[in-house]
Amino acid sequence: MSLFFMQPKWASLLEYDPLAHLQSVSNPAIQFFVQRDLLDNRDLSVEKLWTLPGAEKVLRRQQPNGSWPDKNKKKHANSPTNYAVLETYRSLRVLVECYGLNKKHPAIQKAAEFLFSTQTSYGDFRGIYGTQFTTNYSGGILEFLVKAGYDSDARIDRAFKWFMSVQQDDGGWLLPVQVAGLSSLASDDWMQQPTEVAFDPTLPSSHMVAGIVIRAFANHPKYRQTPEARKAADFLVSRIFKSDKYTFRQHKSYWTKYTFPFWWNDLIGCLDALSLMHYPVDTPGVQGALHHFRTTQLPNGSWRLDLLAAKTIPDITSWFDLMISRIFKRFYGN
């Protein structure tokens, strides 16, 4: 009997069953997560993915201090951005999300310690925007450290407490510099200011930023259950398919421009977080988002998507098919 002969509930709610398509993908990493996350096969070892060529290619570039080098070091010689932090975050995403590496692996241990070395006394991670707060990148770094198994580390607690201390009154987060009217985050001048641009909790949040931060909360078994996380989820749901309040990545079309592993906020990353939090599926905003994926599915069970970045990831479209399928499974079950 075929593994997908008995159609699960979540798949029956889609126009086309994606399981046959996903099981036909030859990528061993995708097959592992299909078996584990969609077919509930727990008799698997993630460690077999750690020696795949794609993982080893990334691991070969790691430096002795745990970081990954800047590919354009000469060009960035005078930049206030610490590109080693940025490249380490970029590599950690791939190793953790695509190949399941965790803190048992020495390379992840070294990468984590390098990133923790950039954590300030406040709890945020600093350097990508020079001297300034990086609410977005701090959230992203926190997300993948949690996914790598550092959820019980005291430094992780410090980061979450910082995020809760700078949460906006409406439930989301923002980059303080957005409020200052900066048209581009690539400007060096503001990154070199001796003091940080302060948070004002009364201002409206940026869902572009909040959608990144909530992924960290959603992946943590304790912090996903906090009132702060639920308030952030409510805010994010209220903003689905709307334009951002601020100028950077403002247009509503960015909701459906996707990156894998997750980087900026988009509809798949947002729903992934909400499904992990067991957010009520019957909420109109969630239903509208899920309906979008019902109407953009192709007859072979895959999806028609606008890929913004990370197109070099092997079988990138199938990774998104897996992510969307997993979202439906979490919301609706078998």
Foldseek 3Di string as FASTA:
>chain_A
DDLCPPPWPLQVVFPARQLVVQCPDPPVLSNVCCCCQVSVDPPDDLVVLCPPPVNVVLVVQADPQLFGDDPPCVVCVPFLAPVRLVRLLVSLQCCCVRRNAAPVDPSNVSSVVVQLVQADPQLFGDGRLRQEGDLQVSLSSLLSNVSRPCLVPVSSVSNVVSCVVQAAPQLFHAGLVQVVVDQDSRDRVQNPDPDYRDGDNPDDHWLQSRLSNLSSQLSRPPSLPDPSSVSSLVSNLVCQLHATPGNPNGHSCQQQADDPPHRTHHLLSSLLSCLSSLPQCPPVSNVVSLVVQSVQADNNQFGDGHYDDPPVPPPVSSVSSSSSSSSSCSNPND
